[in-house]
């Protein structure tokens, strides 16, 4: 009976070992794609939090912007770690300070709607402008929406128009929304400024 039990125990360990799948740490490009499509937290959950230590190390020790953003979101939304919004925002800001467009956009959005922080349009515009100048389309759209509601400076309209006008947008719904926003913003700008903003951007 002891021998049979031992065989069963060994068999159980073997089955468990076979069912465990080694999870590889995300590459920089893979993580950025997940963040862009807002699937980064979903992926961490799907991987059963097995990469928590690797993610934390890359955020806190290696200071990789994409991982600072990921770890910040995990802390803010209690994914695989205890909820700590203050620390989460700290890491989001670190990613933004290193120029991660997604980090800049998220902080700009939070200040715009007053999520986790007090609503502050000046701060929102600062973060969104930086992200928009780096090609972040959600920032470009939100920035124009803010301007259309009478916020910000008319001196910023030309840049906002230029960025959104020259954006390549595959999604038809988003493309249509951008066209509508541009038409509305153009009404607030002198014709010659709109014409100048439409000129091809030199690389």
N, C-alpha and C. Protein backbone atom coordinates (compact mmCIF):
# COMPACT_ATOMS: atom_id res chain seq x y z
N UNK A 1 0.83 -1.21 0.00
CA UNK A 1 0.00 0.00 0.00
C UNK A 1 0.86 1.26 0.00
N UNK A 2 1.95 1.24 0.77
CA UNK A 2 2.85 2.40 0.83
C UNK A 2 3.46 2.66 -0.53
N UNK A 3 3.87 1.57 -1.20
CA UNK A 3 4.49 1.70 -2.52
C UNK A 3 3.51 2.29 -3.52
N UNK A 4 2.25 1.82 -3.45
CA UNK A 4 1.22 2.33 -4.36
C UNK A 4 0.99 3.82 -4.12
N UNK A 5 0.93 4.20 -2.82
CA UNK A 5 0.72 5.60 -2.46
C UNK A 5 1.87 6.47 -2.99
N UNK A 6 3.09 5.93 -2.87
CA UNK A 6 4.26 6.68 -3.33
C UNK A 6 4.19 6.89 -4.84
N UNK A 7 3.77 5.83 -5.56
CA UNK A 7 3.66 5.93 -7.01
C UNK A 7 2.61 6.97 -7.40
N UNK A 8 1.47 6.95 -6.67
CA UNK A 8 0.41 7.93 -6.95
C UNK A 8 0.88 9.35 -6.69
N UNK A 9 1.64 9.52 -5.59
CA UNK A 9 2.15 10.84 -5.24
C UNK A 9 3.08 11.37 -6.32
N UNK A 10 3.97 10.49 -6.78
CA UNK A 10 4.92 10.87 -7.83
C UNK A 10 4.16 11.21 -9.11
N UNK A 11 3.13 10.41 -9.40
CA UNK A 11 2.33 10.66 -10.58
C UNK A 11 1.63 12.00 -10.50
N UNK A 12 1.16 12.36 -9.31
CA UNK A 12 0.46 13.63 -9.12
C UNK A 12 1.39 14.80 -9.37
N UNK A 13 2.62 14.69 -8.84
CA UNK A 13 3.60 15.74 -9.04
C UNK A 13 3.93 15.89 -10.53
N UNK A 14 4.03 14.74 -11.21
CA UNK A 14 4.34 14.76 -12.64
C UNK A 14 3.25 15.47 -13.43
N UNK A 15 1.99 15.18 -13.09
CA UNK A 15 0.86 15.81 -13.78
C UNK A 15 0.87 17.31 -13.53
N UNK A 16 1.13 17.71 -12.25
CA UNK A 16 1.17 19.13 -11.93
C UNK A 16 2.29 19.83 -12.70
N UNK A 17 3.42 19.18 -12.80
CA UNK A 17 4.56 19.76 -13.50
C UNK A 17 4.23 19.95 -14.97
N UNK A 18 3.46 18.99 -15.53
CA UNK A 18 3.11 19.07 -16.93
C UNK A 18 2.09 20.19 -17.19
N UNK A 19 1.21 20.45 -16.20
CA UNK A 19 0.18 21.47 -16.39
C UNK A 19 0.72 22.89 -16.18
N UNK A 20 1.83 23.03 -15.45
CA UNK A 20 2.42 24.35 -15.24
C UNK A 20 3.13 24.79 -16.52
N UNK A 21 2.82 25.98 -16.97
CA UNK A 21 3.43 26.50 -18.18
C UNK A 21 4.31 27.68 -17.82
N UNK A 22 5.55 27.61 -18.25
CA UNK A 22 6.48 28.70 -17.96
C UNK A 22 6.05 29.95 -18.73
N UNK A 23 5.87 31.05 -18.01
CA UNK A 23 5.47 32.31 -18.63
C UNK A 23 6.70 33.17 -18.86
N UNK A 24 6.90 33.58 -20.09
CA UNK A 24 8.04 34.42 -20.42
C UNK A 24 7.70 35.89 -20.15
N UNK A 25 8.66 36.63 -19.67
CA UNK A 25 8.45 38.05 -19.43
C UNK A 25 8.16 38.75 -20.76
N UNK A 26 7.31 39.73 -20.75
CA UNK A 26 6.91 40.41 -21.98
C UNK A 26 8.08 41.23 -22.54
N UNK A 27 8.19 41.20 -23.85
CA UNK A 27 9.18 42.07 -24.49
C UNK A 27 8.65 43.50 -24.42
N UNK A 28 9.52 44.46 -24.64
CA UNK A 28 9.13 45.87 -24.61
C UNK A 28 8.02 46.15 -25.63
N UNK A 29 8.19 45.65 -26.86
CA UNK A 29 7.19 45.88 -27.91
C UNK A 29 5.86 45.21 -27.57
N UNK A 30 5.94 44.00 -27.02
CA UNK A 30 4.72 43.28 -26.66
C UNK A 30 3.95 44.02 -25.58
N UNK A 31 4.66 44.50 -24.57
CA UNK A 31 4.01 45.21 -23.48
C UNK A 31 3.41 46.53 -23.97
N UNK A 32 4.12 47.24 -24.81
CA UNK A 32 3.61 48.51 -25.34
C UNK A 32 2.34 48.29 -26.16
N UNK A 33 2.30 47.17 -26.90
CA UNK A 33 1.09 46.85 -27.67
C UNK A 33 -0.07 46.54 -26.74
N UNK A 34 0.19 45.81 -25.67
CA UNK A 34 -0.85 45.50 -24.69
C UNK A 34 -1.38 46.78 -24.05
N UNK A 35 -0.47 47.68 -23.71
CA UNK A 35 -0.86 48.95 -23.09
C UNK A 35 -1.69 49.78 -24.06
N UNK A 36 -1.24 49.83 -25.31
CA UNK A 36 -1.94 50.61 -26.34
C UNK A 36 -3.38 50.16 -26.50
N UNK A 37 -3.62 48.86 -26.38
CA UNK A 37 -4.96 48.31 -26.53
C UNK A 37 -5.66 48.10 -25.18
N UNK A 38 -5.04 48.64 -24.12
CA UNK A 38 -5.59 48.55 -22.76
C UNK A 38 -5.88 47.10 -22.34
N UNK A 39 -4.94 46.22 -22.66
CA UNK A 39 -5.09 44.81 -22.30
C UNK A 39 -3.97 44.33 -21.39
N UNK A 40 -3.18 45.27 -20.86
CA UNK A 40 -2.02 44.89 -20.05
C UNK A 40 -2.41 44.25 -18.72
N UNK A 41 -3.42 44.80 -18.06
CA UNK A 41 -3.85 44.21 -16.78
C UNK A 41 -4.55 42.87 -17.00
N UNK A 42 -5.29 42.79 -18.08
CA UNK A 42 -5.97 41.54 -18.43
C UNK A 42 -4.95 40.44 -18.67
N UNK A 43 -3.83 40.78 -19.31
CA UNK A 43 -2.78 39.80 -19.60
C UNK A 43 -2.11 39.33 -18.32
N UNK A 44 -1.85 40.25 -17.40
CA UNK A 44 -1.22 39.87 -16.14
C UNK A 44 -2.12 38.91 -15.36
N UNK A 45 -3.42 39.17 -15.36
CA UNK A 45 -4.37 38.28 -14.70
C UNK A 45 -4.39 36.91 -15.38
N UNK A 46 -4.39 36.91 -16.71
CA UNK A 46 -4.44 35.66 -17.47
C UNK A 46 -3.21 34.81 -17.20
N UNK A 47 -2.09 35.47 -16.88
CA UNK A 47 -0.85 34.75 -16.58
C UNK A 47 -0.75 34.37 -15.10
N UNK A 48 -1.88 34.48 -14.40
CA UNK A 48 -1.97 34.08 -12.98
C UNK A 48 -0.93 34.78 -12.10
N UNK A 49 -0.59 35.98 -12.43
CA UNK A 49 0.32 36.80 -11.62
C UNK A 49 1.71 36.20 -11.46
N UNK A 50 2.07 35.28 -12.34
CA UNK A 50 3.37 34.59 -12.20
C UNK A 50 4.56 35.53 -12.43
N UNK A 51 4.32 36.63 -13.13
CA UNK A 51 5.43 37.53 -13.47
C UNK A 51 5.55 38.72 -12.53
N UNK A 52 4.83 38.68 -11.42
CA UNK A 52 4.80 39.81 -10.51
C UNK A 52 6.19 40.29 -10.11
N UNK A 53 7.06 39.37 -9.68
CA UNK A 53 8.40 39.77 -9.24
C UNK A 53 9.22 40.36 -10.37
N UNK A 54 9.09 39.79 -11.57
CA UNK A 54 9.81 40.32 -12.73
C UNK A 54 9.32 41.72 -13.08
N UNK A 55 8.00 41.91 -13.04
CA UNK A 55 7.41 43.20 -13.36
C UNK A 55 7.87 44.25 -12.35
N UNK A 56 7.81 43.89 -11.07
CA UNK A 56 8.22 44.83 -10.02
C UNK A 56 9.69 45.20 -10.15
N UNK A 57 10.53 44.22 -10.46
CA UNK A 57 11.97 44.48 -10.60
C UNK A 57 12.25 45.41 -11.77
N UNK A 58 11.56 45.20 -12.87
CA UNK A 58 11.78 46.04 -14.05
C UNK A 58 11.26 47.46 -13.83
N UNK A 59 10.27 47.60 -12.96
CA UNK A 59 9.72 48.92 -12.66
C UNK A 59 10.55 49.65 -11.61
N UNK A 60 10.96 48.95 -10.56
CA UNK A 60 11.61 49.60 -9.43
C UNK A 60 13.13 49.64 -9.52
N UNK A 61 13.73 48.61 -10.11
CA UNK A 61 15.19 48.52 -10.16
C UNK A 61 15.73 48.97 -11.53
N UNK A 62 15.19 48.37 -12.60
CA UNK A 62 15.65 48.72 -13.94
C UNK A 62 15.03 50.01 -14.45
N UNK A 63 13.90 50.40 -13.85
CA UNK A 63 13.21 51.66 -14.18
C UNK A 63 12.84 51.75 -15.67
N UNK A 64 12.28 50.66 -16.19
CA UNK A 64 11.81 50.62 -17.58
C UNK A 64 10.45 51.31 -17.63
N UNK A 65 10.28 52.36 -18.44
CA UNK A 65 9.03 53.12 -18.45
C UNK A 65 7.76 52.30 -18.64
N UNK A 66 7.77 51.38 -19.59
CA UNK A 66 6.57 50.58 -19.85
C UNK A 66 6.21 49.73 -18.63
N UNK A 67 7.23 49.24 -17.92
CA UNK A 67 6.98 48.43 -16.73
C UNK A 67 6.60 49.30 -15.54
N UNK A 68 7.08 50.52 -15.50
CA UNK A 68 6.63 51.45 -14.45
C UNK A 68 5.14 51.74 -14.63
N UNK A 69 4.74 51.91 -15.88
CA UNK A 69 3.33 52.15 -16.18
C UNK A 69 2.49 50.94 -15.78
N UNK A 70 2.94 49.74 -16.18
CA UNK A 70 2.21 48.51 -15.86
C UNK A 70 2.10 48.31 -14.36
N UNK A 71 3.21 48.46 -13.65
CA UNK A 71 3.21 48.25 -12.20
C UNK A 71 2.35 49.31 -11.51
N UNK A 72 2.39 50.53 -12.02
CA UNK A 72 1.56 51.58 -11.46
C UNK A 72 0.07 51.25 -11.59
N UNK A 73 -0.33 50.76 -12.75
CA UNK A 73 -1.72 50.36 -12.96
C UNK A 73 -2.10 49.18 -12.06
N UNK A 74 -1.18 48.24 -11.90
CA UNK A 74 -1.45 47.07 -11.05
C UNK A 74 -1.71 47.52 -9.61
N UNK A 75 -0.92 48.47 -9.14
CA UNK A 75 -1.10 48.99 -7.78
C UNK A 75 -2.39 49.79 -7.66
N UNK A 76 -2.69 50.60 -8.64
CA UNK A 76 -3.88 51.45 -8.59
C UNK A 76 -5.18 50.65 -8.65
N UNK A 77 -5.13 49.52 -9.37
CA UNK A 77 -6.36 48.74 -9.56
C UNK A 77 -6.31 47.37 -8.88
N UNK A 78 -5.34 47.20 -7.98
CA UNK A 78 -5.24 45.98 -7.17
C UNK A 78 -5.19 44.71 -8.02
N UNK A 79 -4.31 44.69 -9.01
CA UNK A 79 -4.12 43.51 -9.84
C UNK A 79 -2.85 42.79 -9.38
N UNK A 80 -3.01 41.66 -8.76
CA UNK A 80 -1.92 40.82 -8.25
C UNK A 80 -1.18 41.42 -7.06
N UNK A 81 -1.56 42.61 -6.64
CA UNK A 81 -0.95 43.27 -5.48
C UNK A 81 -2.05 43.97 -4.68
N UNK A 82 -1.72 44.33 -3.44
CA UNK A 82 -2.68 45.10 -2.65
C UNK A 82 -2.85 46.48 -3.26
N UNK A 83 -4.05 47.00 -3.20
CA UNK A 83 -4.33 48.30 -3.79
C UNK A 83 -3.56 49.40 -3.07
N UNK A 84 -2.87 50.22 -3.84
CA UNK A 84 -2.12 51.36 -3.31
C UNK A 84 -2.10 52.44 -4.39
N UNK A 85 -3.16 53.23 -4.42
CA UNK A 85 -3.32 54.22 -5.49
C UNK A 85 -2.19 55.24 -5.49
N UNK A 86 -1.79 55.69 -4.30
CA UNK A 86 -0.73 56.70 -4.21
C UNK A 86 0.56 56.19 -4.82
N UNK A 87 0.94 54.95 -4.48
CA UNK A 87 2.18 54.39 -5.04
C UNK A 87 2.01 54.10 -6.54
N UNK A 88 0.81 53.69 -6.91
CA UNK A 88 0.53 53.43 -8.31
C UNK A 88 0.69 54.69 -9.15
N UNK A 89 0.14 55.81 -8.66
CA UNK A 89 0.27 57.07 -9.36
C UNK A 89 1.73 57.52 -9.45
N UNK A 90 2.49 57.19 -8.40
CA UNK A 90 3.93 57.52 -8.39
C UNK A 90 4.63 56.86 -9.57
N UNK A 91 4.34 55.58 -9.80
CA UNK A 91 4.99 54.87 -10.90
C UNK A 91 4.45 55.32 -12.26
N UNK A 92 3.18 55.66 -12.33
CA UNK A 92 2.64 56.21 -13.58
C UNK A 92 3.36 57.50 -13.94
N UNK A 93 3.58 58.33 -12.92
CA UNK A 93 4.25 59.61 -13.16
C UNK A 93 5.72 59.38 -13.57
N UNK A 94 6.36 58.37 -12.97
CA UNK A 94 7.73 58.06 -13.36
C UNK A 94 7.81 57.68 -14.83
N UNK A 95 6.83 56.91 -15.30
CA UNK A 95 6.82 56.51 -16.71
C UNK A 95 6.61 57.73 -17.60
N UNK A 96 5.75 58.65 -17.14
CA UNK A 96 5.50 59.88 -17.90
C UNK A 96 6.75 60.76 -17.92
N UNK A 97 7.43 60.84 -16.78
CA UNK A 97 8.65 61.65 -16.69
C UNK A 97 9.73 61.15 -17.65
N UNK A 98 9.68 59.85 -17.96
CA UNK A 98 10.65 59.29 -18.91
C UNK A 98 10.16 59.39 -20.35
N UNK A 99 8.99 60.03 -20.53
CA UNK A 99 8.50 60.28 -21.88
C UNK A 99 7.66 59.19 -22.50
N UNK A 100 7.10 58.29 -21.70
CA UNK A 100 6.23 57.25 -22.25
C UNK A 100 4.89 57.90 -22.64
N UNK A 101 4.54 57.93 -23.92
CA UNK A 101 3.30 58.59 -24.36
C UNK A 101 2.06 58.10 -23.63
N UNK A 102 1.99 56.79 -23.41
CA UNK A 102 0.82 56.23 -22.73
C UNK A 102 0.72 56.71 -21.29
N UNK A 103 1.87 56.89 -20.65
CA UNK A 103 1.88 57.41 -19.29
C UNK A 103 1.44 58.86 -19.25
N UNK A 104 1.92 59.64 -20.20
CA UNK A 104 1.52 61.05 -20.31
C UNK A 104 0.03 61.17 -20.59
N UNK A 105 -0.47 60.34 -21.51
CA UNK A 105 -1.89 60.38 -21.87
C UNK A 105 -2.76 60.01 -20.68
N UNK A 106 -2.35 58.99 -19.94
CA UNK A 106 -3.17 58.55 -18.82
C UNK A 106 -3.24 59.62 -17.73
N UNK A 107 -2.11 60.23 -17.42
CA UNK A 107 -2.12 61.30 -16.42
C UNK A 107 -2.96 62.48 -16.91
N UNK A 108 -2.82 62.82 -18.19
CA UNK A 108 -3.62 63.90 -18.75
C UNK A 108 -5.11 63.60 -18.66
N UNK A 109 -5.47 62.37 -18.95
CA UNK A 109 -6.88 61.95 -18.87
C UNK A 109 -7.37 62.00 -17.44
N UNK A 110 -6.55 61.54 -16.50
CA UNK A 110 -6.97 61.54 -15.09
C UNK A 110 -7.18 62.97 -14.58
N UNK A 111 -6.27 63.89 -14.95
CA UNK A 111 -6.45 65.28 -14.53
C UNK A 111 -7.65 65.93 -15.23
N UNK A 112 -7.95 65.47 -16.42
CA UNK A 112 -9.09 66.03 -17.16
C UNK A 112 -10.42 65.64 -16.51
N UNK A 113 -10.53 64.38 -16.12
CA UNK A 113 -11.80 63.90 -15.57
C UNK A 113 -11.82 63.87 -14.04
N UNK A 114 -10.67 64.13 -13.41
CA UNK A 114 -10.61 64.10 -11.95
C UNK A 114 -10.63 62.71 -11.37
N UNK A 115 -9.90 61.79 -12.00
CA UNK A 115 -9.83 60.40 -11.53
C UNK A 115 -8.55 60.19 -10.72
N UNK A 116 -8.69 59.81 -9.47
CA UNK A 116 -7.58 59.63 -8.53
C UNK A 116 -6.96 60.97 -8.10
N UNK A 117 -7.11 62.00 -8.91
CA UNK A 117 -6.57 63.33 -8.60
C UNK A 117 -7.68 64.35 -8.76
N UNK A 118 -7.44 65.55 -8.25
CA UNK A 118 -8.41 66.61 -8.44
C UNK A 118 -8.38 67.08 -9.90
N UNK A 119 -9.53 67.41 -10.41
CA UNK A 119 -9.62 67.88 -11.79
C UNK A 119 -8.77 69.14 -11.95
N UNK A 120 -7.90 69.13 -12.97
CA UNK A 120 -6.99 70.25 -13.19
C UNK A 120 -6.73 70.33 -14.69
N UNK A 121 -7.44 71.22 -15.37
CA UNK A 121 -7.33 71.31 -16.82
C UNK A 121 -5.96 71.77 -17.29
N UNK A 122 -5.33 72.64 -16.52
CA UNK A 122 -3.99 73.11 -16.90
C UNK A 122 -3.00 71.94 -16.91
N UNK A 123 -3.08 71.11 -15.87
CA UNK A 123 -2.22 69.93 -15.80
C UNK A 123 -2.57 68.95 -16.92
N UNK A 124 -3.87 68.78 -17.14
CA UNK A 124 -4.32 67.86 -18.19
C UNK A 124 -3.76 68.27 -19.54
N UNK A 125 -3.86 69.55 -19.87
CA UNK A 125 -3.38 70.04 -21.15
C UNK A 125 -1.87 69.87 -21.28
N UNK A 126 -1.15 70.11 -20.20
CA UNK A 126 0.31 69.94 -20.22
C UNK A 126 0.70 68.52 -20.58
N UNK A 127 0.10 67.54 -19.91
CA UNK A 127 0.42 66.13 -20.18
C UNK A 127 -0.06 65.71 -21.56
N UNK A 128 -1.28 66.12 -21.92
CA UNK A 128 -1.85 65.72 -23.21
C UNK A 128 -1.08 66.33 -24.38
N UNK A 129 -0.65 67.58 -24.23
CA UNK A 129 0.14 68.21 -25.29
C UNK A 129 1.43 67.43 -25.57
N UNK A 130 2.08 67.04 -24.49
CA UNK A 130 3.34 66.30 -24.64
C UNK A 130 3.11 64.97 -25.34
N UNK A 131 2.07 64.25 -24.91
CA UNK A 131 1.76 62.95 -25.52
C UNK A 131 1.32 63.13 -26.97
N UNK A 132 0.51 64.18 -27.23
CA UNK A 132 0.03 64.44 -28.59
C UNK A 132 1.18 64.74 -29.54
N UNK A 133 2.17 65.49 -29.05
CA UNK A 133 3.32 65.83 -29.89
C UNK A 133 4.15 64.60 -30.25
N UNK A 134 3.97 63.52 -29.46
CA UNK A 134 4.72 62.28 -29.68
C UNK A 134 3.91 61.27 -30.50
N UNK A 135 2.72 61.69 -30.95
CA UNK A 135 1.94 60.83 -31.83
C UNK A 135 0.82 60.05 -31.17
N UNK A 136 0.56 60.30 -29.90
CA UNK A 136 -0.50 59.56 -29.21
C UNK A 136 -1.87 60.08 -29.64
N UNK A 137 -2.61 59.26 -30.37
CA UNK A 137 -3.88 59.69 -30.95
C UNK A 137 -4.96 59.98 -29.91
N UNK A 138 -5.14 59.16 -28.87
CA UNK A 138 -6.14 59.50 -27.85
C UNK A 138 -5.88 60.88 -27.23
N UNK A 139 -4.61 61.23 -27.06
CA UNK A 139 -4.27 62.54 -26.51
C UNK A 139 -4.63 63.65 -27.48
N UNK A 140 -4.39 63.42 -28.75
CA UNK A 140 -4.72 64.42 -29.77
C UNK A 140 -6.22 64.69 -29.80
N UNK A 141 -7.00 63.63 -29.73
CA UNK A 141 -8.46 63.77 -29.75
C UNK A 141 -8.96 64.48 -28.49
N UNK A 142 -8.47 64.06 -27.34
CA UNK A 142 -8.92 64.66 -26.09
C UNK A 142 -8.51 66.13 -26.00
N UNK A 143 -7.34 66.44 -26.51
CA UNK A 143 -6.87 67.82 -26.48
C UNK A 143 -7.80 68.73 -27.29
N UNK A 144 -8.18 68.29 -28.47
CA UNK A 144 -9.10 69.08 -29.29
C UNK A 144 -10.45 69.21 -28.60
N UNK A 145 -10.91 68.13 -27.98
CA UNK A 145 -12.19 68.19 -27.25
C UNK A 145 -12.14 69.23 -26.13
N UNK A 146 -11.02 69.30 -25.45
CA UNK A 146 -10.85 70.28 -24.37
C UNK A 146 -10.88 71.70 -24.93
N UNK A 147 -10.19 71.91 -26.04
CA UNK A 147 -10.16 73.24 -26.65
C UNK A 147 -11.54 73.66 -27.15
N UNK A 148 -12.29 72.72 -27.67
CA UNK A 148 -13.62 73.03 -28.21
C UNK A 148 -14.60 73.44 -27.11
N UNK A 149 -14.27 73.11 -25.87
CA UNK A 149 -15.13 73.50 -24.75
C UNK A 149 -14.67 74.81 -24.13
N UNK A 150 -13.79 75.52 -24.83
CA UNK A 150 -13.37 76.84 -24.37
C UNK A 150 -12.22 76.86 -23.41
N UNK A 151 -11.56 75.73 -23.22
CA UNK A 151 -10.42 75.67 -22.31
C UNK A 151 -9.10 75.78 -23.08
N UNK A 152 -8.07 76.16 -22.39
CA UNK A 152 -6.77 76.28 -23.04
C UNK A 152 -6.64 77.58 -23.79
N UNK A 153 -5.55 77.70 -24.52
CA UNK A 153 -5.25 78.94 -25.25
C UNK A 153 -5.44 78.76 -26.76
N UNK A 154 -6.04 79.75 -27.42
CA UNK A 154 -6.18 79.69 -28.89
C UNK A 154 -4.84 79.55 -29.60
N UNK A 155 -3.76 79.94 -28.91
CA UNK A 155 -2.43 79.81 -29.50
C UNK A 155 -2.06 78.33 -29.71
N UNK A 156 -2.75 77.44 -28.99
CA UNK A 156 -2.45 76.01 -29.10
C UNK A 156 -3.28 75.32 -30.19
N UNK A 157 -4.25 76.03 -30.76
CA UNK A 157 -5.16 75.41 -31.72
C UNK A 157 -4.43 74.87 -32.95
N UNK A 158 -3.46 75.65 -33.43
CA UNK A 158 -2.77 75.24 -34.65
C UNK A 158 -2.04 73.92 -34.48
N UNK A 159 -1.31 73.79 -33.38
CA UNK A 159 -0.61 72.53 -33.12
C UNK A 159 -1.60 71.38 -32.99
N UNK A 160 -2.67 71.60 -32.24
CA UNK A 160 -3.67 70.55 -32.03
C UNK A 160 -4.29 70.13 -33.36
N UNK A 161 -4.60 71.11 -34.19
CA UNK A 161 -5.19 70.81 -35.50
C UNK A 161 -4.20 70.03 -36.37
N UNK A 162 -2.96 70.50 -36.39
CA UNK A 162 -1.92 69.85 -37.22
C UNK A 162 -1.73 68.40 -36.79
N UNK A 163 -1.60 68.17 -35.49
CA UNK A 163 -1.36 66.81 -34.99
C UNK A 163 -2.49 65.87 -35.37
N UNK A 164 -3.72 66.31 -35.17
CA UNK A 164 -4.86 65.42 -35.44
C UNK A 164 -5.07 65.27 -36.95
N UNK A 165 -4.90 66.35 -37.69
CA UNK A 165 -5.10 66.30 -39.14
C UNK A 165 -4.13 65.30 -39.79
N UNK A 166 -2.92 65.23 -39.31
CA UNK A 166 -1.91 64.36 -39.92
C UNK A 166 -1.83 62.97 -39.25
N UNK A 167 -2.74 62.69 -38.35
CA UNK A 167 -2.75 61.37 -37.70
C UNK A 167 -3.25 60.30 -38.66
N UNK A 168 -2.65 59.14 -38.60
CA UNK A 168 -3.11 57.99 -39.39
C UNK A 168 -3.99 57.15 -38.46
N UNK A 169 -5.28 57.08 -38.79
CA UNK A 169 -6.25 56.42 -37.92
C UNK A 169 -6.96 55.31 -38.70
N UNK A 170 -6.70 54.08 -38.33
CA UNK A 170 -7.28 52.94 -39.04
C UNK A 170 -8.74 52.69 -38.66
N UNK A 171 -9.06 52.89 -37.39
CA UNK A 171 -10.42 52.63 -36.93
C UNK A 171 -11.40 53.64 -37.54
N UNK A 172 -12.42 53.15 -38.25
CA UNK A 172 -13.35 54.03 -38.96
C UNK A 172 -14.12 54.96 -38.03
N UNK A 173 -14.54 54.45 -36.89
CA UNK A 173 -15.30 55.26 -35.95
C UNK A 173 -14.45 56.40 -35.40
N UNK A 174 -13.21 56.08 -35.04
CA UNK A 174 -12.29 57.09 -34.51
C UNK A 174 -11.93 58.10 -35.61
N UNK A 175 -11.75 57.60 -36.82
CA UNK A 175 -11.43 58.47 -37.96
C UNK A 175 -12.55 59.48 -38.19
N UNK A 176 -13.77 59.01 -38.14
CA UNK A 176 -14.94 59.88 -38.35
C UNK A 176 -15.03 60.92 -37.23
N UNK A 177 -14.75 60.49 -36.01
CA UNK A 177 -14.78 61.40 -34.86
C UNK A 177 -13.73 62.49 -35.02
N UNK A 178 -12.53 62.10 -35.46
CA UNK A 178 -11.45 63.06 -35.66
C UNK A 178 -11.82 64.10 -36.72
N UNK A 179 -12.44 63.64 -37.80
CA UNK A 179 -12.85 64.55 -38.88
C UNK A 179 -13.86 65.57 -38.37
N UNK A 180 -14.78 65.12 -37.55
CA UNK A 180 -15.80 66.01 -36.99
C UNK A 180 -15.18 67.05 -36.06
N UNK A 181 -14.24 66.61 -35.22
CA UNK A 181 -13.56 67.52 -34.30
C UNK A 181 -12.74 68.56 -35.06
N UNK A 182 -12.08 68.12 -36.12
CA UNK A 182 -11.26 69.05 -36.91
C UNK A 182 -12.13 70.12 -37.57
N UNK A 183 -13.29 69.71 -38.05
CA UNK A 183 -14.20 70.67 -38.68
C UNK A 183 -14.68 71.70 -37.67
N UNK A 184 -14.91 71.26 -36.46
CA UNK A 184 -15.36 72.19 -35.41
C UNK A 184 -14.24 73.13 -34.98
N UNK A 185 -13.02 72.58 -34.86
CA UNK A 185 -11.89 73.41 -34.45
C UNK A 185 -11.55 74.44 -35.52
N UNK A 186 -11.70 74.04 -36.78
CA UNK A 186 -11.38 74.95 -37.89
C UNK A 186 -12.23 76.22 -37.85
N UNK A 187 -13.44 76.09 -37.34
CA UNK A 187 -14.34 77.25 -37.25
C UNK A 187 -13.85 78.29 -36.24
N UNK A 188 -12.96 77.87 -35.34
CA UNK A 188 -12.43 78.78 -34.33
C UNK A 188 -11.08 79.37 -34.73
N UNK A 189 -10.62 79.01 -35.93
CA UNK A 189 -9.29 79.42 -36.38
C UNK A 189 -9.38 80.24 -37.66
N UNK A 190 -8.48 81.20 -37.85
CA UNK A 190 -8.40 81.92 -39.12
C UNK A 190 -8.11 80.93 -40.26
N UNK A 191 -8.68 81.18 -41.43
CA UNK A 191 -8.51 80.28 -42.57
C UNK A 191 -7.03 80.05 -42.91
N UNK A 192 -6.22 81.11 -42.81
CA UNK A 192 -4.81 80.98 -43.17
C UNK A 192 -4.06 80.08 -42.19
N UNK A 193 -4.52 80.07 -40.93
CA UNK A 193 -3.87 79.21 -39.92
C UNK A 193 -4.24 77.75 -40.16
N UNK A 194 -5.51 77.52 -40.54
CA UNK A 194 -5.95 76.16 -40.86
C UNK A 194 -5.16 75.64 -42.06
N UNK A 195 -5.01 76.50 -43.07
CA UNK A 195 -4.26 76.13 -44.27
C UNK A 195 -2.82 75.78 -43.92
N UNK A 196 -2.22 76.57 -43.05
CA UNK A 196 -0.83 76.32 -42.64
C UNK A 196 -0.72 75.01 -41.86
N UNK A 197 -1.71 74.74 -41.03
CA UNK A 197 -1.69 73.51 -40.22
C UNK A 197 -1.85 72.25 -41.08
N UNK A 198 -2.47 72.41 -42.24
CA UNK A 198 -2.69 71.26 -43.13
C UNK A 198 -1.47 70.93 -43.99
N UNK A 199 -0.49 71.81 -44.00
CA UNK A 199 0.69 71.57 -44.82
C UNK A 199 1.39 70.28 -44.38
N UNK A 200 1.95 69.55 -45.33
CA UNK A 200 2.66 68.30 -44.99
C UNK A 200 3.73 68.56 -43.94
N UNK A 201 3.81 67.65 -43.00
CA UNK A 201 4.81 67.77 -41.94
C UNK A 201 6.15 67.29 -42.46
N UNK A 202 7.17 68.11 -42.31
CA UNK A 202 8.50 67.73 -42.76
C UNK A 202 9.15 66.82 -41.75
N UNK A 203 9.76 65.75 -42.23
CA UNK A 203 10.42 64.79 -41.32
C UNK A 203 11.80 65.29 -40.94
